[in-house]
Amino acid sequence: MESYDYIFAGAGCAGLSLLHYLLESELKDSKILLIDPKINEIPDKTWCYWAENPLEIHPTEHIHSWNNLSFISNKSKITTNLGNLNYYHLNSLDFYRSIFKKLENHPQIKLVQDEVIELAEAKDTVIVKTKNQGFLQANQVFDSRLNENDFKSNSSLKQVFSGWRIKTESELFDPESLILMEFPEGNSPEFEFFYILPFSKTEALIEYTLYSKEAVSDKKLKTSLENYLTKNLGHTPFEITFQESGIIPMSTRLKTPKAQKKVLKIGTAAGWTKASTGYTFHTIQSNCKKIVKALEQGDILKLQIKRSARFAFYDNILLNVAHKWPERLQGIFLDLFTSSSADVVLRFLNEETSLTEELKLLGKLRFSIFIKSLMSYETH
């Protein structure tokens, strides 16, 4: 039976990020296998995060950032500076190509297109059953596989989105400021907004996002984008250069896997996606660094990344509102970014603030909806 130091069940963002940091560590000569049924299919997606400087894993030749963000509501625009932070854009194609290029110089790493069927932890090893390769074994397995059944409730809220990157003949965009949320006019019973990343005066990514418990048709998503562009671009011709769509589960109720020492869940499957916002990339990088440090130190206990119960509580308060009173979310986000500096709010959303900072930030908000959420508190 072929044996490895580490086997990765899944070669997505979390798996490749963890592998990147392993190759930067004293464990760089380990024998490693990556297994993924779509390992040759590189996804073309938009990832974003905020930080003072580009993260070290961000390909240096593909960096685009903004230092201002805006909200648009009822035809009024609020723009705020991010202070020491910048909002970074990264295309997954560039990320994957950068990591795969790095792997070319490591003969100890093998990539296999296959499906992991079962993981069984033995005394000193993990037996990995695959669809085509048969049985393999590893000292440690990192498992990023995810399916809908990983969440305790299929009725959990989902962030559904669809976006187009367009080029126009006229100069229509302000490249100095991204629009984090532009709310449609009217009183929709659902929480929806448009998200605009302007790369130049003539090019931008425009995404429509909807929080929904139900399935959303591609036709509805496309129609919402078309209506927005018609309203804002008029008859200005444009070219679509990129399209994406996706569904992000918005739940803290991830099924807890059976405790194992040598099989470690990572990525969204481990609860690393911020349930209330859908952001994941920054947390993946932070947690992967912690895991590699624990591996170097031989500290198995530190491999399990425990999320702060405090931030899980904050997420559930907001998710409770999103489930029961979605029409109040617009006011909450506007309140957050107008009552405190954007850099503090973004650090709070990254779960990097102290309790003192959080009390100060939350103390500036209007309390009624949060009290209402507490009075009928549920985890989601």
Protein backbone atom coordinates (compact mmCIF):
# COMPACT_ATOMS: atom_id res chain seq x y z
CA MET A 1 0.00 0.00 0.00
CA GLU A 2 1.45 3.35 -1.07
CA SER A 3 2.19 5.59 1.92
CA TYR A 4 2.47 9.38 2.31
CA ASP A 5 3.27 11.85 5.03
CA TYR A 6 0.22 13.95 4.13
CA ILE A 7 -2.79 13.30 1.92
CA PHE A 8 -5.14 16.13 0.93
CA ALA A 9 -8.73 15.05 0.24
CA GLY A 10 -9.71 17.98 -1.93
CA ALA A 11 -7.50 20.49 -3.74
CA GLY A 12 -9.48 23.71 -3.35
CA CYS A 13 -8.44 27.01 -1.84
CA ALA A 14 -7.92 25.61 1.67
CA GLY A 15 -5.97 22.57 0.53
CA LEU A 16 -3.69 24.50 -1.80
CA SER A 17 -3.16 27.26 0.75
CA LEU A 18 -2.14 24.76 3.41
CA LEU A 19 0.17 23.08 0.93
CA HIS A 20 1.76 26.45 0.11
CA TYR A 21 2.66 27.07 3.75
CA LEU A 22 3.90 23.50 4.18
CA LEU A 23 6.32 24.10 1.32
CA GLU A 24 7.55 27.25 3.05
CA SER A 25 8.20 25.35 6.29
CA GLU A 26 10.73 22.84 7.59
CA LEU A 27 8.30 20.15 6.37
CA LYS A 28 8.83 21.06 2.71
CA ASP A 29 10.41 17.70 1.87
CA SER A 30 7.41 15.66 3.04
CA LYS A 31 5.83 13.13 0.72
CA ILE A 32 2.43 14.59 -0.21
CA LEU A 33 -0.57 13.47 -2.29
CA LEU A 34 -3.44 15.70 -3.45
CA ILE A 35 -6.63 13.89 -4.48
CA ASP A 36 -9.50 15.70 -6.15
CA PRO A 37 -12.08 14.48 -8.71
CA LYS A 38 -11.72 17.80 -10.59
CA ILE A 39 -8.04 18.46 -10.08
CA ASN A 40 -7.58 19.46 -13.74
CA GLU A 41 -10.51 21.89 -13.67
CA ILE A 42 -9.27 25.23 -12.36
CA PRO A 43 -12.17 27.33 -11.05
CA ASP A 44 -12.58 30.90 -12.26
CA LYS A 45 -13.91 32.81 -9.26
CA THR A 46 -13.54 36.12 -7.48
CA TRP A 47 -11.99 36.12 -4.01
CA CYS A 48 -11.60 39.22 -1.87
CA TYR A 49 -10.15 40.09 1.52
CA TRP A 50 -8.89 43.11 3.44
CA ALA A 51 -5.52 43.60 5.07
CA GLU A 52 -2.83 46.24 5.49
CA ASN A 53 -0.73 44.63 2.75
CA PRO A 54 -1.32 41.87 0.19
CA LEU A 55 -1.10 38.45 1.81
CA GLU A 56 2.11 36.60 0.98
CA ILE A 57 0.21 33.95 -0.97
CA HIS A 58 -1.32 36.57 -3.30
CA PRO A 59 0.49 36.43 -6.69
CA THR A 60 2.40 39.71 -6.91
CA GLU A 61 1.63 40.24 -10.59
CA HIS A 62 -2.14 40.09 -9.98
CA ILE A 63 -2.84 42.60 -7.23
CA HIS A 64 -5.71 45.06 -7.40
CA SER A 65 -6.93 46.94 -4.35
CA TRP A 66 -9.06 49.81 -3.11
CA ASN A 67 -8.69 52.06 -0.08
CA ASN A 68 -12.26 53.41 -0.14
CA LEU A 69 -15.60 51.67 -0.07
CA SER A 70 -19.11 52.96 -0.63
CA PHE A 71 -22.72 52.15 0.15
CA ILE A 72 -25.60 53.35 -2.01
CA SER A 73 -29.11 53.49 -0.57
CA ASN A 74 -32.13 55.50 -1.66
CA LYS A 75 -29.98 57.30 -4.24
CA SER A 76 -27.60 58.57 -1.54
CA LYS A 77 -23.96 57.45 -1.50
CA ILE A 78 -21.80 57.01 1.59
CA THR A 79 -18.05 56.64 1.02
CA THR A 80 -15.58 55.80 3.75
CA ASN A 81 -11.80 55.44 3.79
CA LEU A 82 -10.31 52.16 5.01
CA GLY A 83 -7.40 53.78 6.86
CA ASN A 84 -4.46 51.37 7.07
CA LEU A 85 -6.43 48.62 5.37
CA ASN A 86 -6.92 47.87 1.70
CA TYR A 87 -9.59 45.76 0.04
CA TYR A 88 -7.91 43.21 -2.25
CA HIS A 89 -9.23 41.33 -5.27
CA LEU A 90 -7.82 37.97 -6.36
CA ASN A 91 -8.97 35.77 -9.21
CA SER A 92 -8.90 32.08 -8.37
CA LEU A 93 -7.33 31.24 -11.75
CA ASP A 94 -4.27 33.32 -10.87
CA PHE A 95 -4.10 31.74 -7.42
CA TYR A 96 -4.28 28.16 -8.71
CA ARG A 97 -1.74 28.76 -11.48
CA SER A 98 0.67 30.29 -8.98
CA ILE A 99 0.40 27.32 -6.59
CA PHE A 100 0.61 24.69 -9.35
CA LYS A 101 3.69 26.39 -10.78
CA LYS A 102 5.28 26.14 -7.34
CA LEU A 103 4.50 22.41 -7.19
CA GLU A 104 6.50 21.76 -10.37
CA ASN A 105 9.71 22.10 -8.38
CA HIS A 106 8.71 19.53 -5.76
CA PRO A 107 9.02 15.90 -6.98
CA GLN A 108 7.72 14.68 -3.60
CA ILE A 109 4.26 16.03 -4.40
CA LYS A 110 1.80 14.03 -6.48
CA LEU A 111 -1.55 15.19 -7.87
CA VAL A 112 -4.21 12.59 -8.67
CA GLN A 113 -7.63 12.99 -10.24
CA ASP A 114 -9.72 10.65 -8.13
CA GLU A 115 -12.44 10.59 -5.49
CA VAL A 116 -11.94 9.81 -1.81
CA ILE A 117 -14.62 7.32 -0.75
CA GLU A 118 -13.71 6.69 2.87
CA LEU A 119 -11.23 7.75 5.55
CA ALA A 120 -10.46 5.32 8.37
CA GLU A 121 -8.12 6.25 11.18
CA ALA A 122 -5.96 3.41 12.48
CA LYS A 123 -3.51 3.49 15.41
CA ASP A 124 -0.65 5.33 13.72
CA THR A 125 -2.01 6.02 10.25
CA VAL A 126 -5.05 6.85 8.12
CA ILE A 127 -6.33 4.43 5.50
CA VAL A 128 -7.69 6.30 2.50
CA LYS A 129 -10.07 4.46 0.19
CA THR A 130 -10.33 5.98 -3.28
CA LYS A 131 -12.59 5.24 -6.23
CA ASN A 132 -9.81 4.38 -8.71
CA GLN A 133 -6.50 4.21 -6.83
CA GLY A 134 -7.66 1.70 -4.27
CA PHE A 135 -6.27 1.99 -0.73
CA LEU A 136 -3.57 4.43 0.36
CA GLN A 137 -2.25 5.46 3.73
CA ALA A 138 -0.95 8.66 5.33
CA ASN A 139 0.37 9.93 8.61
CA GLN A 140 -2.09 12.83 8.39
CA VAL A 141 -5.09 13.64 6.16
CA PHE A 142 -6.49 17.11 5.50
CA ASP A 143 -10.10 16.88 4.36
CA SER A 144 -11.77 19.87 2.68
CA ARG A 145 -14.63 17.99 1.02
CA LEU A 146 -18.03 19.56 1.54
CA ASN A 147 -21.60 18.69 0.68
CA GLU A 148 -25.02 19.99 1.69
CA ASN A 149 -25.41 17.28 4.34
CA ASP A 150 -22.55 18.80 6.32
CA PHE A 151 -25.01 21.42 7.54
CA LYS A 152 -27.56 20.36 10.13
CA SER A 153 -30.44 22.14 8.44
CA ASN A 154 -31.15 22.17 4.72
CA SER A 155 -33.32 25.23 5.38
CA SER A 156 -30.27 27.26 6.36
CA LEU A 157 -29.90 30.63 4.69
CA LYS A 158 -27.70 30.80 1.62
CA GLN A 159 -25.92 33.68 -0.06
CA VAL A 160 -26.72 33.29 -3.74
CA PHE A 161 -24.84 35.46 -6.20
CA SER A 162 -24.17 36.01 -9.88
CA GLY A 163 -21.74 38.47 -11.42
CA TRP A 164 -20.44 39.79 -14.73
CA ARG A 165 -17.20 41.59 -15.41
CA ILE A 166 -17.92 44.10 -18.14
CA LYS A 167 -16.06 46.56 -20.36
CA THR A 168 -17.75 49.71 -21.60
CA GLU A 169 -16.88 52.22 -24.31
CA SER A 170 -17.67 55.17 -22.02
CA GLU A 171 -16.04 56.04 -18.69
CA LEU A 172 -18.73 55.10 -16.20
CA PHE A 173 -16.95 53.81 -13.09
CA ASP A 174 -14.98 55.34 -10.23
CA PRO A 175 -11.87 53.14 -9.83
CA GLU A 176 -10.98 54.80 -6.52
CA SER A 177 -13.82 53.22 -4.54
CA LEU A 178 -15.52 49.83 -4.56
CA ILE A 179 -19.25 49.68 -3.83
CA LEU A 180 -19.68 47.08 -1.10
CA MET A 181 -23.48 47.26 -1.22
CA GLU A 182 -25.87 49.11 -3.49
CA PHE A 183 -29.42 48.45 -2.39
CA PRO A 184 -32.25 48.31 -4.94
CA GLU A 185 -35.07 50.79 -4.56
CA GLY A 186 -38.35 49.51 -3.13
CA ASN A 187 -39.30 47.35 -0.17
CA SER A 188 -38.19 43.84 -1.00
CA PRO A 189 -39.04 41.17 1.60
CA GLU A 190 -35.62 39.63 0.88
CA PHE A 191 -32.15 41.03 1.54
CA GLU A 192 -30.51 41.81 -1.78
CA PHE A 193 -27.81 44.13 -3.04
CA PHE A 194 -25.35 44.81 -5.85
CA TYR A 195 -21.59 44.66 -5.34
CA ILE A 196 -19.30 46.59 -7.71
CA LEU A 197 -15.53 46.27 -8.08
CA PRO A 198 -14.36 48.99 -10.51
CA PHE A 199 -11.00 48.04 -12.04
CA SER A 200 -10.87 51.14 -14.23
CA LYS A 201 -13.19 53.84 -15.51
CA THR A 202 -14.40 51.45 -18.19
CA GLU A 203 -14.25 48.04 -16.51
CA ALA A 204 -15.96 46.61 -13.43
CA LEU A 205 -17.25 43.43 -11.85
CA ILE A 206 -20.94 43.79 -11.01
CA GLU A 207 -22.56 41.14 -8.85
CA TYR A 208 -26.10 40.64 -7.66
CA THR A 209 -26.41 38.97 -4.23
CA LEU A 210 -29.48 37.58 -2.53
CA TYR A 211 -29.91 35.94 0.89
CA SER A 212 -32.41 33.11 0.43
CA LYS A 213 -33.56 29.85 2.03
CA GLU A 214 -34.98 28.68 -1.30
CA ALA A 215 -33.32 27.83 -4.58
CA VAL A 216 -32.91 30.85 -6.86
CA SER A 217 -33.18 30.35 -10.61
CA ASP A 218 -30.43 31.45 -12.98
CA LYS A 219 -33.11 33.41 -14.83
CA LYS A 220 -33.87 35.55 -11.77
CA LEU A 221 -30.19 36.25 -11.18
CA LYS A 222 -29.63 37.15 -14.83
CA THR A 223 -32.72 39.35 -14.96
CA SER A 224 -31.62 41.26 -11.85
CA LEU A 225 -28.21 41.94 -13.41
CA GLU A 226 -29.74 42.97 -16.73
CA ASN A 227 -32.19 45.36 -15.05
CA TYR A 228 -29.39 46.93 -13.03
CA LEU A 229 -27.20 47.47 -16.08
CA THR A 230 -30.08 48.87 -18.12
CA LYS A 231 -30.90 51.32 -15.35
CA ASN A 232 -27.31 52.43 -14.74
CA LEU A 233 -25.73 52.14 -18.18
CA GLY A 234 -28.72 53.04 -20.30
CA HIS A 235 -27.95 52.26 -23.92
CA THR A 236 -24.17 52.27 -23.42
CA PRO A 237 -22.81 49.13 -25.11
CA PHE A 238 -20.73 46.75 -23.02
CA GLU A 239 -18.84 43.49 -23.37
CA ILE A 240 -19.04 40.68 -20.80
CA THR A 241 -15.51 39.34 -20.22
CA PHE A 242 -16.12 37.11 -17.20
CA GLN A 243 -19.10 35.47 -15.49
CA GLU A 244 -19.46 33.73 -12.17
CA SER A 245 -22.18 32.49 -9.87
CA GLY A 246 -22.28 30.59 -6.63
CA ILE A 247 -24.01 29.63 -3.41
CA ILE A 248 -22.41 30.15 0.00
CA PRO A 249 -24.02 28.44 3.02
CA MET A 250 -24.73 30.92 5.81
CA SER A 251 -24.75 28.73 8.89
CA THR A 252 -22.77 28.13 12.06
CA ARG A 253 -24.51 24.78 12.46
CA LEU A 254 -21.90 22.66 10.74
CA LYS A 255 -22.12 19.01 11.69
CA THR A 256 -19.29 18.26 14.07
CA PRO A 257 -17.25 15.37 12.62
CA LYS A 258 -16.19 12.48 14.78
CA ALA A 259 -13.11 13.55 16.71
CA GLN A 260 -10.00 12.18 15.03
CA LYS A 261 -6.34 12.94 15.61
CA LYS A 262 -5.09 12.22 12.12
CA VAL A 263 -7.98 13.43 9.95
CA LEU A 264 -8.44 17.18 10.03
CA LYS A 265 -11.28 19.09 8.36
CA ILE A 266 -10.19 22.36 6.74
CA GLY A 267 -11.83 25.21 4.81
CA THR A 268 -15.58 25.72 4.63
CA ALA A 269 -16.01 22.10 5.75
CA ALA A 270 -14.37 23.10 9.03
CA GLY A 271 -16.51 26.20 9.50
CA TRP A 272 -13.91 28.68 8.24
CA THR A 273 -16.40 30.63 6.12
CA LYS A 274 -17.77 33.67 7.95
CA ALA A 275 -21.43 32.69 8.23
CA SER A 276 -22.83 36.22 8.29
CA THR A 277 -20.86 37.57 5.31
CA GLY A 278 -19.51 34.64 3.25
CA TYR A 279 -15.87 35.82 3.33
CA THR A 280 -13.37 32.97 3.65
CA PHE A 281 -10.00 33.68 2.03
CA HIS A 282 -8.34 35.63 4.85
CA THR A 283 -9.43 33.12 7.50
CA ILE A 284 -8.11 30.23 5.40
CA GLN A 285 -4.67 31.84 5.28
CA SER A 286 -4.58 32.57 9.00
CA ASN A 287 -5.72 29.08 10.00
CA CYS A 288 -3.39 27.29 7.55
CA LYS A 289 -0.41 29.11 9.05
CA LYS A 290 -1.49 27.98 12.53
CA ILE A 291 -1.80 24.37 11.37
CA VAL A 292 1.66 24.34 9.77
CA LYS A 293 3.18 25.83 12.92
CA ALA A 294 1.52 23.10 15.01
CA LEU A 295 2.82 20.43 12.62
CA GLU A 296 6.35 21.80 12.88
CA GLN A 297 6.10 21.71 16.67
CA GLY A 298 4.49 18.27 16.69
CA ASP A 299 1.60 19.67 18.71
CA ILE A 300 -1.43 17.63 17.62
CA LEU A 301 -3.78 19.45 19.98
CA LYS A 302 -3.18 22.77 18.21
CA LEU A 303 -4.17 21.32 14.83
CA GLN A 304 -7.83 21.81 15.76
CA ILE A 305 -8.62 25.47 15.14
CA LYS A 306 -11.25 26.59 17.64
CA ARG A 307 -13.37 29.55 16.68
CA SER A 308 -14.15 32.17 19.30
CA ALA A 309 -17.56 31.50 20.85
CA ARG A 310 -17.97 35.27 21.08
CA PHE A 311 -17.83 35.75 17.33
CA ALA A 312 -20.07 32.74 16.69
CA PHE A 313 -22.62 34.44 18.95
CA TYR A 314 -22.34 37.70 17.01
CA ASP A 315 -22.84 35.78 13.76
CA ASN A 316 -25.95 34.05 15.09
CA ILE A 317 -27.47 37.32 16.24
CA LEU A 318 -27.13 38.64 12.69
CA LEU A 319 -28.24 35.37 11.08
CA ASN A 320 -31.30 35.38 13.33
CA VAL A 321 -32.19 38.80 11.95
CA ALA A 322 -31.50 37.61 8.40
CA HIS A 323 -33.88 34.66 8.86
CA LYS A 324 -36.72 36.53 10.57
CA TRP A 325 -36.45 40.21 9.67
CA PRO A 326 -34.32 40.44 6.50
CA GLU A 327 -35.69 43.91 5.76
CA ARG A 328 -33.69 45.19 8.76
CA LEU A 329 -30.29 44.06 7.46
CA GLN A 330 -29.78 47.08 5.23
CA GLY A 331 -30.08 49.40 8.23
CA ILE A 332 -27.68 47.26 10.27
CA PHE A 333 -24.90 47.35 7.65
CA LEU A 334 -25.34 51.08 7.06
CA ASP A 335 -25.35 51.67 10.82
CA LEU A 336 -22.16 49.65 11.28
CA PHE A 337 -20.15 51.58 8.69
CA THR A 338 -21.50 55.05 9.54
CA SER A 339 -21.15 54.84 13.33
CA SER A 340 -17.56 53.50 13.40
CA SER A 341 -14.46 53.77 11.20
CA ALA A 342 -14.38 51.27 8.34
CA ASP A 343 -11.05 49.76 9.43
CA VAL A 344 -12.49 48.89 12.86
CA VAL A 345 -15.63 47.37 11.31
CA LEU A 346 -13.59 45.29 8.86
CA ARG A 347 -11.28 44.04 11.62
CA PHE A 348 -14.43 43.13 13.57
CA LEU A 349 -15.74 41.18 10.57
CA ASN A 350 -12.33 39.47 10.33
CA GLU A 351 -12.72 38.51 14.02
CA GLU A 352 -9.54 40.38 14.91
CA THR A 353 -10.91 42.91 17.41
CA SER A 354 -10.67 42.82 21.19
CA LEU A 355 -13.71 42.63 23.46
CA THR A 356 -13.16 46.28 24.43
CA GLU A 357 -13.21 47.33 20.76
CA GLU A 358 -16.32 45.27 20.14
CA LEU A 359 -18.23 46.77 23.05
CA LYS A 360 -17.33 50.25 21.83
CA LEU A 361 -18.37 49.42 18.26
CA LEU A 362 -21.62 47.66 19.20
CA GLY A 363 -22.48 50.37 21.72
CA LYS A 364 -22.84 52.88 18.88
CA LEU A 365 -25.51 50.83 17.09
CA ARG A 366 -29.26 51.10 17.44
CA PHE A 367 -30.22 48.31 19.82
CA SER A 368 -33.87 47.55 19.08
CA ILE A 369 -33.36 44.91 16.39
CA PHE A 370 -30.59 43.18 18.37
CA ILE A 371 -32.74 43.04 21.48
CA LYS A 372 -35.53 41.60 19.34
CA SER A 373 -33.11 39.00 18.00
CA LEU A 374 -31.97 38.11 21.51
CA MET A 375 -35.56 37.73 22.70
CA SER A 376 -36.13 35.00 20.09
CA TYR A 377 -32.54 33.80 19.80
CA GLU A 378 -31.77 30.71 17.75
CA THR A 379 -28.64 29.30 16.21
CA HIS A 380 -28.65 29.02 12.44
